Structures are given as structure tokens and as C-alpha cells.
């Protein structure tokens, strides 16, 4: 099972955006059910850092929400993709202002 860019979950979101909440929830449960089965005893964490909370999303996200300094590694590609789209509006000139430390 592929988690990132999962086609089932993308179908669910399409239904939500169309206002079909009931159908979206049904499809979303298909994804969640498949996830629970597939990863009941497998590693699903995409983080490559050695961390005590590896694979424990609930605690990892709670920690990041609590300190609010940065986001979990697994969320960075998603956020960076969204930022890249926004950055295109100014021909990525914001990159020139980033720290290079």
C-alpha cells in the first residue's frame, strides 16, 4: 500500500470537494481500513531520522504541535510542494532571502 498520494484517499477528497460528504467518508474509511490492515505490524513511517517516536504519529504530531518550532519530517515534502507553488508567483525570488547557514 502506498500512503503518499494514495488514489483512494484522493478520490475521497474529490467527493468532499464536490460536497458529497457521505461518499467521501465512505471512501476515506476504505483507505483507513486498508491502512490498518496493511500496517498493523509493519513500519509505515516515512521519516528517515532515528527517533524514539518513529512510527508513533500520534505522539510525534503532539510533540510538534506543542513546541511549534517546525513540522514532522514526514510532513515536510507535502508542505514544501505547496510552498513551491506559491513561490512560483514571485519567480522563486523568496529563495534568495533564505538563510544559507
N, C-alpha and C. Protein backbone atom coordinates (compact mmCIF):
# COMPACT_ATOMS: atom_id res chain seq x y z
N UNK A 1 0.85 -1.19 0.00
CA UNK A 1 0.00 0.00 0.00
C UNK A 1 0.88 1.24 0.00
N UNK A 2 0.53 2.19 -0.82
CA UNK A 2 1.22 3.47 -0.87
C UNK A 2 0.38 4.48 -0.09
N UNK A 3 1.02 5.16 0.84
CA UNK A 3 0.30 6.16 1.64
C UNK A 3 0.30 7.51 0.91
N UNK A 4 1.49 7.99 0.56
CA UNK A 4 1.60 9.30 -0.07
C UNK A 4 0.96 9.29 -1.46
N UNK A 5 0.12 10.28 -1.72
CA UNK A 5 -0.60 10.38 -2.99
C UNK A 5 -1.47 9.17 -3.26
N UNK A 6 -2.08 8.62 -2.23
CA UNK A 6 -2.91 7.44 -2.35
C UNK A 6 -4.16 7.74 -3.18
N UNK A 7 -4.39 6.93 -4.18
CA UNK A 7 -5.51 7.17 -5.11
C UNK A 7 -6.88 7.07 -4.44
N UNK A 8 -7.03 6.15 -3.50
CA UNK A 8 -8.31 6.02 -2.80
C UNK A 8 -8.61 7.29 -2.00
N UNK A 9 -7.61 7.76 -1.27
CA UNK A 9 -7.82 8.96 -0.46
C UNK A 9 -8.02 10.19 -1.34
N UNK A 10 -7.37 10.22 -2.50
CA UNK A 10 -7.59 11.34 -3.42
C UNK A 10 -9.03 11.33 -3.96
N UNK A 11 -9.56 10.13 -4.19
CA UNK A 11 -10.97 10.02 -4.60
C UNK A 11 -11.89 10.53 -3.49
N UNK A 12 -11.56 10.20 -2.25
CA UNK A 12 -12.36 10.67 -1.11
C UNK A 12 -12.36 12.19 -1.07
N UNK A 13 -11.20 12.80 -1.23
CA UNK A 13 -11.12 14.26 -1.18
C UNK A 13 -11.89 14.89 -2.33
N UNK A 14 -11.87 14.25 -3.48
CA UNK A 14 -12.65 14.77 -4.62
C UNK A 14 -14.13 14.83 -4.26
N UNK A 15 -14.61 13.78 -3.62
CA UNK A 15 -16.02 13.75 -3.20
C UNK A 15 -16.31 14.84 -2.16
N UNK A 16 -15.40 15.01 -1.21
CA UNK A 16 -15.58 16.08 -0.22
C UNK A 16 -15.68 17.44 -0.90
N UNK A 17 -14.79 17.68 -1.86
CA UNK A 17 -14.78 18.97 -2.56
C UNK A 17 -16.05 19.18 -3.39
N UNK A 18 -16.64 18.08 -3.83
CA UNK A 18 -17.89 18.17 -4.58
C UNK A 18 -19.11 18.31 -3.66
N UNK A 19 -18.87 18.27 -2.36
CA UNK A 19 -19.96 18.39 -1.40
C UNK A 19 -20.59 17.07 -1.03
N UNK A 20 -20.00 15.96 -1.49
CA UNK A 20 -20.54 14.64 -1.21
C UNK A 20 -19.87 14.05 0.03
N UNK A 21 -20.19 14.62 1.18
CA UNK A 21 -19.53 14.23 2.43
C UNK A 21 -19.72 12.75 2.75
N UNK A 22 -20.94 12.24 2.60
CA UNK A 22 -21.22 10.84 2.93
C UNK A 22 -20.35 9.90 2.08
N UNK A 23 -20.29 10.16 0.80
CA UNK A 23 -19.48 9.33 -0.09
C UNK A 23 -17.99 9.50 0.22
N UNK A 24 -17.58 10.73 0.51
CA UNK A 24 -16.18 10.98 0.87
C UNK A 24 -15.78 10.20 2.11
N UNK A 25 -16.64 10.21 3.11
CA UNK A 25 -16.35 9.47 4.34
C UNK A 25 -16.28 7.96 4.09
N UNK A 26 -17.14 7.48 3.22
CA UNK A 26 -17.15 6.05 2.88
C UNK A 26 -15.83 5.66 2.22
N UNK A 27 -15.40 6.45 1.27
CA UNK A 27 -14.15 6.17 0.56
C UNK A 27 -12.97 6.35 1.50
N UNK A 28 -13.03 7.37 2.35
CA UNK A 28 -11.94 7.59 3.30
C UNK A 28 -11.80 6.39 4.24
N UNK A 29 -12.90 5.80 4.64
CA UNK A 29 -12.85 4.63 5.51
C UNK A 29 -12.22 3.44 4.78
N UNK A 30 -12.40 3.37 3.45
CA UNK A 30 -11.72 2.32 2.67
C UNK A 30 -10.21 2.45 2.83
N UNK A 31 -9.73 3.69 2.71
CA UNK A 31 -8.30 3.95 2.87
C UNK A 31 -7.85 3.58 4.29
N UNK A 32 -8.58 4.08 5.29
CA UNK A 32 -8.20 3.85 6.69
C UNK A 32 -8.22 2.36 7.02
N UNK A 33 -9.20 1.64 6.53
CA UNK A 33 -9.30 0.21 6.78
C UNK A 33 -8.12 -0.54 6.15
N UNK A 34 -7.82 -0.19 4.91
CA UNK A 34 -6.68 -0.82 4.23
C UNK A 34 -5.38 -0.48 4.96
N UNK A 35 -5.26 0.75 5.43
CA UNK A 35 -4.08 1.17 6.18
C UNK A 35 -3.94 0.35 7.45
N UNK A 36 -5.03 0.23 8.22
CA UNK A 36 -4.98 -0.53 9.47
C UNK A 36 -4.56 -1.97 9.22
N UNK A 37 -5.07 -2.58 8.17
CA UNK A 37 -4.72 -3.97 7.85
C UNK A 37 -3.27 -4.08 7.42
N UNK A 38 -2.88 -3.24 6.47
CA UNK A 38 -1.53 -3.31 5.89
C UNK A 38 -0.44 -3.02 6.90
N UNK A 39 -0.67 -2.03 7.75
CA UNK A 39 0.40 -1.57 8.64
C UNK A 39 0.20 -1.95 10.10
N UNK A 40 -0.64 -2.94 10.36
CA UNK A 40 -0.84 -3.39 11.74
C UNK A 40 0.47 -3.83 12.37
N UNK A 41 1.34 -4.43 11.58
CA UNK A 41 2.61 -4.93 12.12
C UNK A 41 3.79 -4.54 11.23
N UNK A 42 3.63 -3.50 10.44
CA UNK A 42 4.70 -3.02 9.55
C UNK A 42 5.03 -1.57 9.86
N UNK A 43 6.23 -1.18 9.48
CA UNK A 43 6.64 0.22 9.62
C UNK A 43 6.02 1.03 8.49
N UNK A 44 5.33 2.09 8.82
CA UNK A 44 4.71 2.96 7.83
C UNK A 44 5.32 4.36 7.83
N UNK A 45 6.23 4.60 8.78
CA UNK A 45 6.78 5.94 8.96
C UNK A 45 7.80 6.27 7.87
N UNK A 46 7.60 7.40 7.21
CA UNK A 46 8.49 7.80 6.12
C UNK A 46 9.69 8.61 6.62
N UNK A 47 9.74 8.89 7.91
CA UNK A 47 10.85 9.65 8.47
C UNK A 47 12.12 8.81 8.43
N UNK A 48 13.21 9.41 8.00
CA UNK A 48 14.47 8.68 7.90
C UNK A 48 15.40 8.96 9.09
N UNK A 49 14.95 9.81 10.00
CA UNK A 49 15.77 10.10 11.18
C UNK A 49 15.52 9.06 12.27
N UNK A 50 16.60 8.73 12.98
CA UNK A 50 16.45 7.84 14.13
C UNK A 50 15.76 8.63 15.23
N UNK A 51 14.62 8.18 15.67
CA UNK A 51 13.82 8.94 16.62
C UNK A 51 13.04 7.97 17.50
N UNK A 52 12.94 8.30 18.74
CA UNK A 52 12.19 7.48 19.69
C UNK A 52 10.72 7.35 19.27
N UNK A 53 10.19 8.32 18.55
CA UNK A 53 8.77 8.34 18.19
C UNK A 53 8.50 7.83 16.77
N UNK A 54 9.51 7.23 16.14
CA UNK A 54 9.37 6.70 14.78
C UNK A 54 8.16 5.76 14.72
N UNK A 55 7.24 6.06 13.83
CA UNK A 55 6.05 5.23 13.64
C UNK A 55 4.92 5.52 14.61
N UNK A 56 5.14 6.39 15.56
CA UNK A 56 4.11 6.74 16.53
C UNK A 56 3.60 8.14 16.20
N UNK A 57 2.79 8.22 15.16
CA UNK A 57 2.33 9.51 14.64
C UNK A 57 1.63 10.36 15.70
N UNK A 58 0.81 9.72 16.49
CA UNK A 58 0.03 10.48 17.48
C UNK A 58 0.95 11.27 18.41
N UNK A 59 1.95 10.61 18.97
CA UNK A 59 2.86 11.30 19.88
C UNK A 59 3.77 12.27 19.14
N UNK A 60 4.24 11.88 17.96
CA UNK A 60 5.12 12.75 17.17
C UNK A 60 4.43 14.07 16.83
N UNK A 61 3.22 13.98 16.32
CA UNK A 61 2.48 15.19 15.95
C UNK A 61 2.16 16.01 17.19
N UNK A 62 1.81 15.36 18.29
CA UNK A 62 1.53 16.11 19.52
C UNK A 62 2.75 16.89 19.97
N UNK A 63 3.93 16.29 19.89
CA UNK A 63 5.16 16.97 20.28
C UNK A 63 5.39 18.19 19.39
N UNK A 64 5.24 18.02 18.09
CA UNK A 64 5.45 19.14 17.16
C UNK A 64 4.40 20.23 17.34
N UNK A 65 3.18 19.85 17.62
CA UNK A 65 2.13 20.84 17.90
C UNK A 65 2.46 21.60 19.18
N UNK A 66 3.01 20.90 20.14
CA UNK A 66 3.32 21.52 21.43
C UNK A 66 4.43 22.56 21.32
N UNK A 67 5.53 22.20 20.65
CA UNK A 67 6.64 23.17 20.61
C UNK A 67 6.52 24.16 19.46
N UNK A 68 5.80 23.83 18.40
CA UNK A 68 5.51 24.71 17.27
C UNK A 68 6.72 25.38 16.66
N UNK A 69 7.85 24.70 16.64
CA UNK A 69 9.04 25.27 16.01
C UNK A 69 9.23 24.77 14.58
N UNK A 70 8.82 23.56 14.31
CA UNK A 70 8.93 23.00 12.97
C UNK A 70 7.93 21.86 12.85
N UNK A 71 7.82 21.30 11.67
CA UNK A 71 6.85 20.23 11.45
C UNK A 71 7.56 18.88 11.36
N UNK A 72 6.83 17.80 11.58
CA UNK A 72 7.45 16.47 11.47
C UNK A 72 8.06 16.26 10.08
N UNK A 73 9.14 15.50 10.05
CA UNK A 73 9.83 15.25 8.77
C UNK A 73 8.91 14.69 7.70
N UNK A 74 7.96 13.85 8.09
CA UNK A 74 7.07 13.23 7.10
C UNK A 74 6.15 14.25 6.43
N UNK A 75 5.93 15.39 7.07
CA UNK A 75 5.05 16.41 6.52
C UNK A 75 5.79 17.42 5.64
N UNK A 76 7.09 17.46 5.76
CA UNK A 76 7.87 18.48 5.04
C UNK A 76 7.72 18.41 3.52
N UNK A 77 7.79 17.23 2.89
CA UNK A 77 7.61 17.21 1.43
C UNK A 77 6.26 17.74 0.98
N UNK A 78 5.21 17.45 1.75
CA UNK A 78 3.87 17.93 1.41
C UNK A 78 3.83 19.45 1.48
N UNK A 79 4.35 20.00 2.57
CA UNK A 79 4.34 21.44 2.76
C UNK A 79 5.25 22.13 1.75
N UNK A 80 6.43 21.56 1.52
CA UNK A 80 7.35 22.16 0.55
C UNK A 80 6.75 22.20 -0.85
N UNK A 81 5.97 21.18 -1.21
CA UNK A 81 5.31 21.17 -2.51
C UNK A 81 4.31 22.33 -2.62
N UNK A 82 3.57 22.57 -1.55
CA UNK A 82 2.61 23.68 -1.53
C UNK A 82 3.33 25.03 -1.58
N UNK A 83 4.43 25.14 -0.83
CA UNK A 83 5.21 26.38 -0.81
C UNK A 83 5.81 26.66 -2.19
N UNK A 84 6.27 25.61 -2.86
CA UNK A 84 6.86 25.79 -4.19
C UNK A 84 5.87 26.41 -5.16
N UNK A 85 4.62 25.98 -5.08
CA UNK A 85 3.58 26.54 -5.95
C UNK A 85 3.40 28.03 -5.66
N UNK A 86 3.36 28.38 -4.38
CA UNK A 86 3.23 29.80 -4.01
C UNK A 86 4.46 30.59 -4.44
N UNK A 87 5.63 29.98 -4.28
CA UNK A 87 6.88 30.65 -4.62
C UNK A 87 6.97 30.97 -6.11
N UNK A 88 6.30 30.18 -6.92
CA UNK A 88 6.28 30.45 -8.36
C UNK A 88 5.68 31.82 -8.68
N UNK A 89 4.79 32.29 -7.81
CA UNK A 89 4.15 33.58 -8.05
C UNK A 89 5.15 34.73 -8.09
N UNK A 90 6.29 34.54 -7.44
CA UNK A 90 7.33 35.58 -7.45
C UNK A 90 8.62 35.05 -8.06
N UNK A 91 8.46 34.12 -9.00
CA UNK A 91 9.60 33.52 -9.70
C UNK A 91 10.64 32.96 -8.73
N UNK A 92 10.17 32.42 -7.63
CA UNK A 92 11.02 31.80 -6.60
C UNK A 92 12.05 32.76 -6.02
N UNK A 93 11.79 34.05 -6.06
CA UNK A 93 12.76 35.02 -5.54
C UNK A 93 12.87 34.97 -4.03
N UNK A 94 11.89 34.37 -3.36
CA UNK A 94 11.99 34.24 -1.91
C UNK A 94 13.20 33.38 -1.53
N UNK A 95 13.54 32.44 -2.39
CA UNK A 95 14.68 31.56 -2.12
C UNK A 95 15.96 32.37 -1.92
N UNK A 96 16.07 33.53 -2.56
CA UNK A 96 17.25 34.38 -2.41
C UNK A 96 17.35 34.96 -1.00
N UNK A 97 16.23 35.00 -0.29
CA UNK A 97 16.20 35.59 1.04
C UNK A 97 16.39 34.56 2.16
N UNK A 98 16.42 33.30 1.80
CA UNK A 98 16.58 32.26 2.81
C UNK A 98 17.97 32.22 3.37
N UNK A 99 18.07 31.87 4.63
CA UNK A 99 19.38 31.75 5.27
C UNK A 99 20.14 30.58 4.65
N UNK A 100 21.41 30.73 4.50
CA UNK A 100 22.24 29.66 3.94
C UNK A 100 23.16 29.06 5.01
N UNK A 101 22.75 29.13 6.25
CA UNK A 101 23.56 28.61 7.35
C UNK A 101 23.53 27.11 7.37
